Protein backbone atom coordinates (compact mmCIF):
# COMPACT_ATOMS: atom_id res chain seq x y z
CA MET A 1 19.46 17.03 -2.74
CA ASN A 2 22.99 17.57 -4.03
CA PRO A 3 24.48 20.19 -1.66
CA LYS A 4 26.92 21.60 -4.24
CA ILE A 5 24.14 22.29 -6.75
CA GLN A 6 22.01 23.80 -4.00
CA GLN A 7 24.83 26.06 -2.85
CA ILE A 8 25.52 27.33 -6.39
CA ALA A 9 21.81 27.79 -7.11
CA GLN A 10 21.21 29.75 -3.93
CA ALA A 11 24.14 32.01 -4.78
CA VAL A 12 22.63 32.65 -8.23
CA LEU A 13 19.25 33.37 -6.65
CA ALA A 14 20.98 35.84 -4.32
CA GLY A 15 22.31 37.75 -7.33
CA HIS A 16 25.80 36.30 -7.74
CA GLN A 17 27.07 35.46 -11.22
CA LEU A 18 28.12 31.89 -11.93
CA ASP A 19 31.84 31.64 -12.64
CA GLN A 20 33.57 29.25 -15.02
CA PRO A 21 34.76 26.72 -12.38
CA GLN A 22 31.19 26.46 -11.11
CA ALA A 23 29.92 26.04 -14.68
CA HIS A 24 32.37 23.20 -15.25
CA LEU A 25 31.24 21.55 -12.02
CA LEU A 26 27.60 21.68 -13.13
CA ALA A 27 28.58 20.39 -16.59
CA SER A 28 30.24 17.36 -15.00
CA LEU A 29 27.05 16.15 -13.29
CA THR A 30 25.63 12.77 -14.25
CA GLY A 31 22.85 10.39 -13.29
CA HIS A 32 20.26 11.36 -10.69
CA HIS A 33 22.13 14.59 -9.90
CA LEU A 34 20.72 16.00 -13.14
CA TYR A 35 17.24 15.98 -11.62
CA ASP A 36 18.51 18.19 -8.81
CA LEU A 37 20.06 20.48 -11.44
CA PHE A 38 16.74 20.72 -13.29
CA TYR A 39 14.88 21.47 -10.05
CA TRP A 40 17.13 24.42 -9.28
CA ALA A 41 17.16 25.62 -12.91
CA ASN A 42 13.37 25.75 -12.74
CA ARG A 43 13.51 27.68 -9.46
CA ILE A 44 15.93 30.16 -11.02
CA ARG A 45 13.70 30.52 -14.09
CA ILE A 46 10.60 31.29 -12.05
CA THR A 47 12.38 33.63 -9.63
CA CYS A 48 14.64 35.53 -12.01
CA ALA A 49 12.98 35.34 -15.44
CA GLY A 50 9.38 35.01 -14.28
CA PRO A 51 6.81 32.21 -14.50
CA ALA A 52 5.45 33.03 -17.98
CA VAL A 53 6.59 31.16 -21.06
CA SER A 54 6.37 32.41 -24.63
CA PHE A 55 6.59 31.36 -28.25
CA CYS A 56 8.20 32.92 -31.30
CA SER A 57 7.97 32.03 -34.97
CA ILE A 58 10.20 32.62 -37.99
CA ALA A 59 9.84 32.78 -41.76
CA PRO A 60 12.55 32.65 -44.45
CA LEU A 61 12.51 35.90 -46.40
CA THR A 62 15.16 34.26 -48.57
CA LEU A 63 15.91 30.55 -48.46
CA GLY A 64 18.92 28.66 -49.84
CA GLY A 65 21.78 29.66 -52.10
CA CYS A 66 24.02 30.75 -49.21
CA THR A 67 27.70 31.21 -50.04
CA GLU A 68 28.89 30.18 -46.55
CA ASP A 69 30.01 26.68 -45.56
CA CYS A 70 28.37 26.13 -42.15
CA ALA A 71 28.63 22.36 -41.83
CA PHE A 72 25.18 21.97 -40.24
CA CYS A 73 23.16 24.09 -42.68
CA ALA A 74 20.93 22.87 -45.50
CA GLN A 75 20.96 26.32 -47.10
CA SER A 76 24.61 26.32 -48.14
CA ALA A 77 25.05 26.29 -51.92
CA ARG A 78 28.19 24.21 -51.37
CA TYR A 79 26.24 21.09 -50.38
CA HIS A 80 23.75 18.88 -52.21
CA THR A 81 20.84 18.92 -49.78
CA PRO A 82 17.07 18.34 -50.08
CA LEU A 83 16.58 22.09 -50.64
CA ILE A 84 15.64 22.15 -54.29
CA SER A 85 16.48 25.75 -55.24
CA PRO A 86 16.84 29.19 -53.66
CA SER A 87 13.58 31.06 -53.12
CA THR A 88 12.30 34.42 -51.88
CA LEU A 89 8.99 35.23 -50.20
CA SER A 90 6.83 37.97 -51.65
CA ASP A 91 5.58 40.77 -49.41
CA ASP A 92 2.13 39.17 -49.35
CA GLN A 93 3.65 35.84 -48.28
CA VAL A 94 5.61 37.55 -45.50
CA LEU A 95 2.51 39.31 -44.20
CA ALA A 96 0.53 36.06 -44.37
CA ALA A 97 3.28 34.24 -42.46
CA ALA A 98 3.22 36.94 -39.78
CA ASP A 99 -0.58 36.64 -39.49
CA GLN A 100 -0.22 32.88 -39.18
CA ALA A 101 2.44 33.23 -36.48
CA ARG A 102 0.23 35.56 -34.48
CA HIS A 103 -2.76 33.24 -34.73
CA ALA A 104 -0.53 30.29 -33.74
CA GLY A 105 0.23 32.05 -30.46
CA ALA A 106 3.63 33.58 -31.16
CA GLN A 107 4.60 36.76 -29.33
CA CYS A 108 7.50 37.45 -31.70
CA PHE A 109 7.89 37.00 -35.46
CA GLY A 110 11.28 36.83 -37.13
CA LEU A 111 12.37 37.29 -40.74
CA VAL A 112 15.47 35.30 -41.73
CA THR A 113 17.63 35.67 -44.81
CA ALA A 114 20.29 33.37 -46.21
CA GLY A 115 23.82 34.63 -46.75
CA ARG A 116 26.74 36.17 -44.94
CA CYS A 117 25.35 39.72 -45.07
CA PRO A 118 22.43 41.45 -46.79
CA SER A 119 22.77 43.25 -50.11
CA LYS A 120 21.62 46.88 -50.18
CA GLN A 121 18.50 45.85 -52.08
CA LEU A 122 17.65 43.14 -49.55
CA PHE A 123 18.39 45.40 -46.59
CA ASP A 124 16.16 48.16 -47.96
CA ARG A 125 13.39 45.62 -48.48
CA LEU A 126 13.82 44.41 -44.92
CA LEU A 127 13.40 47.97 -43.61
CA ASP A 128 10.24 48.35 -45.70
CA LEU A 129 8.80 45.06 -44.43
CA ILE A 130 9.47 46.02 -40.82
CA ALA A 131 7.43 49.19 -41.34
CA LYS A 132 4.57 47.22 -42.93
CA LEU A 133 4.58 44.61 -40.15
CA ARG A 134 4.65 47.28 -37.45
CA ARG A 135 1.48 48.79 -38.92
CA ARG A 136 -0.23 45.43 -39.31
CA LEU A 137 0.43 43.36 -36.19
CA PRO A 138 0.79 43.88 -32.44
CA ILE A 139 3.69 41.44 -32.28
CA GLY A 140 7.40 41.66 -31.53
CA LEU A 141 9.58 41.78 -34.64
CA CYS A 142 12.95 40.11 -35.04
CA ALA A 143 15.30 39.77 -37.99
CA SER A 144 18.31 37.64 -38.84
CA ALA A 145 20.16 38.80 -41.95
CA GLY A 146 23.76 37.92 -41.22
CA SER A 147 26.61 40.30 -40.47
CA LEU A 148 25.81 43.99 -39.95
CA ASP A 149 27.74 47.17 -39.29
CA HIS A 150 26.73 49.88 -36.81
CA THR A 151 24.96 51.98 -39.46
CA GLN A 152 22.77 49.06 -40.50
CA ALA A 153 22.04 48.10 -36.90
CA HIS A 154 21.02 51.66 -36.14
CA ALA A 155 18.77 51.78 -39.23
CA LEU A 156 16.98 48.62 -38.12
CA ARG A 157 16.40 50.03 -34.65
CA GLN A 158 15.08 53.28 -36.13
CA ALA A 159 12.72 51.28 -38.37
CA GLY A 160 11.16 49.72 -35.28
CA LEU A 161 12.82 46.30 -35.14
CA HIS A 162 12.54 44.92 -31.62
CA ARG A 163 15.43 42.45 -31.71
CA TYR A 164 18.14 41.09 -34.01
CA ASN A 165 19.34 37.50 -34.11
CA HIS A 166 22.97 36.67 -34.80
CA ASN A 167 24.22 33.44 -33.27
CA LEU A 168 27.82 32.78 -32.26
CA GLU A 169 26.97 29.07 -32.84
CA THR A 170 29.77 27.55 -30.73
CA SER A 171 33.06 28.37 -29.02
CA ALA A 172 35.85 30.33 -30.69
CA ALA A 173 38.08 27.24 -30.54
CA PHE A 174 35.56 24.88 -32.16
CA PHE A 175 34.16 27.36 -34.70
CA PRO A 176 36.79 26.68 -37.45
CA ARG A 177 35.86 22.99 -37.41
CA VAL A 178 32.32 23.77 -38.61
CA ILE A 179 32.67 27.13 -40.43
CA THR A 180 35.66 28.27 -42.49
CA SER A 181 34.15 30.81 -44.89
CA HIS A 182 34.20 33.54 -42.23
CA HIS A 183 35.71 34.00 -38.79
CA TYR A 184 34.49 34.07 -35.21
CA HIS A 185 35.60 37.67 -34.82
CA ASP A 186 33.24 38.59 -37.69
CA ARG A 187 30.34 37.40 -35.59
CA LEU A 188 31.64 39.16 -32.50
CA ALA A 189 31.93 42.37 -34.52
CA THR A 190 28.25 42.17 -35.45
CA LEU A 191 27.28 41.65 -31.80
CA ALA A 192 29.36 44.71 -30.92
CA ALA A 193 27.65 46.78 -33.65
CA LEU A 194 24.23 45.75 -32.36
CA GLN A 195 25.23 46.60 -28.81
CA GLN A 196 26.56 49.99 -29.91
CA ALA A 197 23.30 50.72 -31.75
CA GLN A 198 21.33 49.67 -28.67
CA LEU A 199 19.38 47.12 -30.70
CA PRO A 200 18.37 44.26 -28.40
CA LEU A 201 20.23 41.09 -29.19
CA CYS A 202 19.13 37.49 -29.72
CA SER A 203 22.21 35.26 -29.85
CA GLY A 204 22.93 31.66 -28.98
CA GLY A 205 24.27 28.55 -30.62
CA ILE A 206 23.81 25.06 -31.95
CA PHE A 207 24.77 21.90 -30.11
CA GLY A 208 25.50 18.36 -31.22
CA LEU A 209 28.20 19.34 -33.72
CA GLY A 210 30.89 17.34 -31.92
CA GLU A 211 31.72 20.12 -29.46
CA THR A 212 32.74 19.41 -25.85
CA TRP A 213 31.29 20.70 -22.61
CA PRO A 214 34.14 23.22 -22.34
CA ASP A 215 33.13 24.51 -25.80
CA ARG A 216 29.56 24.98 -24.58
CA ILE A 217 30.74 26.84 -21.51
CA ASP A 218 33.08 29.02 -23.59
CA LEU A 219 30.14 29.93 -25.85
CA ALA A 220 28.05 30.99 -22.86
CA PHE A 221 30.80 33.14 -21.40
CA ALA A 222 31.53 34.68 -24.82
CA LEU A 223 27.90 35.78 -24.95
CA ARG A 224 27.78 37.20 -21.43
CA PRO A 225 29.50 40.60 -22.14
CA PHE A 226 26.88 41.34 -24.82
CA ALA A 227 23.93 40.81 -22.43
CA PRO A 228 21.63 39.17 -24.99
CA GLN A 229 17.93 39.64 -24.41
CA SER A 230 17.24 36.16 -25.74
CA ILE A 231 19.46 33.08 -26.15
CA PRO A 232 18.23 30.52 -28.69
CA LEU A 233 19.52 27.00 -28.13
CA ASN A 234 19.45 24.87 -31.29
CA PHE A 235 20.18 21.15 -31.44
CA LEU A 236 21.51 19.56 -34.59
CA HIS A 237 18.96 18.01 -36.89
CA PRO A 238 21.31 16.26 -39.36
CA ILE A 239 20.52 17.18 -42.96
CA PRO A 240 21.44 14.77 -45.80
CA GLY A 241 24.18 16.22 -47.96
CA THR A 242 25.79 18.33 -45.25
CA PRO A 243 29.13 17.37 -43.64
CA LEU A 244 27.28 16.59 -40.39
CA ALA A 245 24.65 14.38 -42.02
CA ARG A 246 25.82 11.32 -40.06
CA ALA A 247 26.33 13.04 -36.70
CA ALA A 248 24.92 11.11 -33.76
CA PRO A 249 21.99 12.90 -32.10
CA LEU A 250 22.42 14.25 -28.59
CA PRO A 251 20.59 12.25 -25.90
CA PRO A 252 17.54 14.08 -24.55
CA MET A 253 18.98 14.26 -21.02
CA GLU A 254 22.13 15.91 -22.35
CA ILE A 255 20.02 18.52 -24.14
CA LEU A 256 18.16 19.26 -20.90
CA HIS A 257 21.53 19.47 -19.13
CA ILE A 258 22.65 22.16 -21.62
CA ILE A 259 19.43 24.14 -21.10
CA ALA A 260 19.83 24.01 -17.32
CA LEU A 261 23.44 25.12 -17.47
CA PHE A 262 22.53 28.15 -19.58
CA ARG A 263 19.79 29.05 -17.09
CA PHE A 264 22.33 29.04 -14.26
CA ILE A 265 24.68 31.26 -16.29
CA PHE A 266 21.89 33.57 -17.52
CA PRO A 267 19.32 33.59 -14.69
CA ALA A 268 17.13 36.44 -15.99
CA THR A 269 17.60 36.05 -19.76
CA GLN A 270 15.06 34.47 -22.08
CA ILE A 271 16.30 30.93 -22.85
CA LYS A 272 14.63 29.79 -26.06
CA VAL A 273 14.67 26.20 -27.28
CA ALA A 274 14.69 26.40 -31.07
CA GLY A 275 15.74 24.10 -33.92
CA GLY A 276 15.90 20.35 -33.39
CA ARG A 277 13.49 20.27 -30.46
CA GLU A 278 11.05 17.70 -31.83
CA THR A 279 13.64 15.44 -33.45
CA ASN A 280 16.01 15.25 -30.50
CA LEU A 281 13.87 15.53 -27.37
CA ARG A 282 11.01 13.29 -28.47
CA ASP A 283 8.83 12.57 -25.39
CA LEU A 284 10.85 14.93 -23.20
CA GLN A 285 9.88 18.15 -24.98
CA SER A 286 7.80 19.35 -22.06
CA TRP A 287 10.85 19.04 -19.78
CA ILE A 288 12.52 22.05 -21.39
CA PHE A 289 10.68 24.34 -18.99
CA PHE A 290 11.54 22.27 -15.92
CA ALA A 291 15.17 22.45 -17.09
CA GLY A 292 15.02 26.26 -17.18
CA ALA A 293 13.82 27.35 -20.62
CA ASP A 294 11.07 29.95 -20.82
CA SER A 295 10.54 30.16 -24.57
CA ALA A 296 10.33 27.95 -27.65
CA LEU A 297 10.15 28.31 -31.39
CA ILE A 298 6.68 27.39 -32.62
CA GLY A 299 5.69 26.19 -36.08
CA ASN A 300 8.13 25.41 -38.88
CA TYR A 301 11.84 26.21 -39.00
CA LEU A 302 13.82 27.34 -42.05
CA SER A 303 14.50 24.09 -43.89
CA THR A 304 12.71 21.62 -41.59
CA THR A 305 9.17 21.37 -40.27
CA GLY A 306 8.02 21.60 -36.68
CA ARG A 307 4.99 20.07 -35.07
CA PRO A 308 1.53 21.70 -35.20
CA PRO A 309 1.31 24.76 -32.93
CA ASP A 310 -1.83 23.36 -31.29
CA GLN A 311 0.32 20.63 -29.74
CA ASP A 312 2.69 23.18 -28.22
CA ARG A 313 -0.17 25.25 -26.81
CA GLN A 314 -1.68 22.08 -25.36
CA MET A 315 1.68 21.22 -23.79
CA ILE A 316 1.70 24.58 -21.98
CA ALA A 317 -1.88 24.04 -20.80
CA ASP A 318 -1.12 20.50 -19.59
CA LEU A 319 1.86 21.77 -17.61
CA ALA A 320 -0.34 24.47 -16.02
CA LEU A 321 2.28 27.06 -16.92
CA ASP A 322 1.50 30.74 -17.35
CA SER A 323 0.64 30.63 -21.01
CA PRO A 324 1.02 33.22 -23.75
CA PRO A 325 -2.09 35.35 -24.33
CA ASP A 326 -4.60 34.13 -26.85
CA PRO A 327 -4.04 35.54 -30.33
């Protein structure tokens, strides 16, 4: 057992916050030391976040036609990607997707829109759909509609939204290399508006863009003051036509290393493995929980497909983990 990892882990378990030098030490680990890191990340997960694991599911209320230039995203109108044309779900399709998510075993259902910020028409429709979903399903509701101000955040909370997703994506230093159509401080401003409105926050990032370990650590520490309720960790699934189409995939052990590091930094927060799980982790998907995650996105993503939910539920059963309740 690596004594440095053990010492840091025991300090976290005793209630001490990991500092940046300790985070850099853990990020520098290689070889068999990673297995010690995973062991302690799992201990921290069980002790601080609890033994249960959960699933969430998302549906694109609007898909494609986005004006922004995020280099990893198939929905940008600036790139020629496999997305054929922009589309919008009807209310009936949204309600059917929510029913499907519930029956797949998801405890939370999220509506996602494309674009930098919602139009008034789209925002009003989102409020209406939240009310309809609240009446229909006993399931947590999340939304991701881009940048918001305090008034909008407050309106969503009053409508009954349980959580809002707005990812920082990466570090402030690396952000301009993958997004130039808006600024990092725009994203921070939305997190501040959500915090002010007391609307629980879901915020994380995407990895495999060419960022360094210091970038990953900077992202984590940028998130810490906002106390997110959930941190989604996405891993690049290169999309033809985007600037990152030829990016090399992250090795599975490096992905698990990232998950474990975030568990050390956020011992009691939900750590959710989201986009890119199947493509990048391959046979090591079940290791996400041993590395410290306690949640995963189930079903399809926005512009890519996931594996059948039955396989994810079977994975939880095979691991003898505390599973989500039956739908």
